[in-house]
Amino acid sequence: MTQEPDSQPRPSDTCLRDTQAVYRTKLANQRTFLAYVRTALALVAGGVTGLYFEAPLATALGWPLIALGGLTLVVGIHQYLKMRRLIERAARLDLPPHDDGDDAD
């Protein structure tokens, strides 16, 4: 078996792949953030619906669902910004994006 001369990646191909990997990672981070927003919106909507019915059990579940939706949104924003910083730092330094361990997940 002989190795073809074109089988080795050229420097420009490697740079292009790295750039595309950064774009894919940024898009994945945005999709994850939107999932947090969607979940938070669903929780708040469920809580508001529970308050609308004015039944004791529905009201008792409504307020915690609204609070949980707000908390979910805050956590989503925090995670999105944290990952965005890590992705940008890794892209500038050509390092793989990893967690710097500043908080427990």
Foldseek 3Di string as FASTA:
>chain_A
DDDDPPPDDDPVNVVVVLVVVLVVLLVVLVVQLVVLLVQLVVLQVQLVVLVVVVDPVSPVSNVVSNVVSVVSNVVSVVSSVQQVVQSVVCSVVVHPRDDPPPDDD
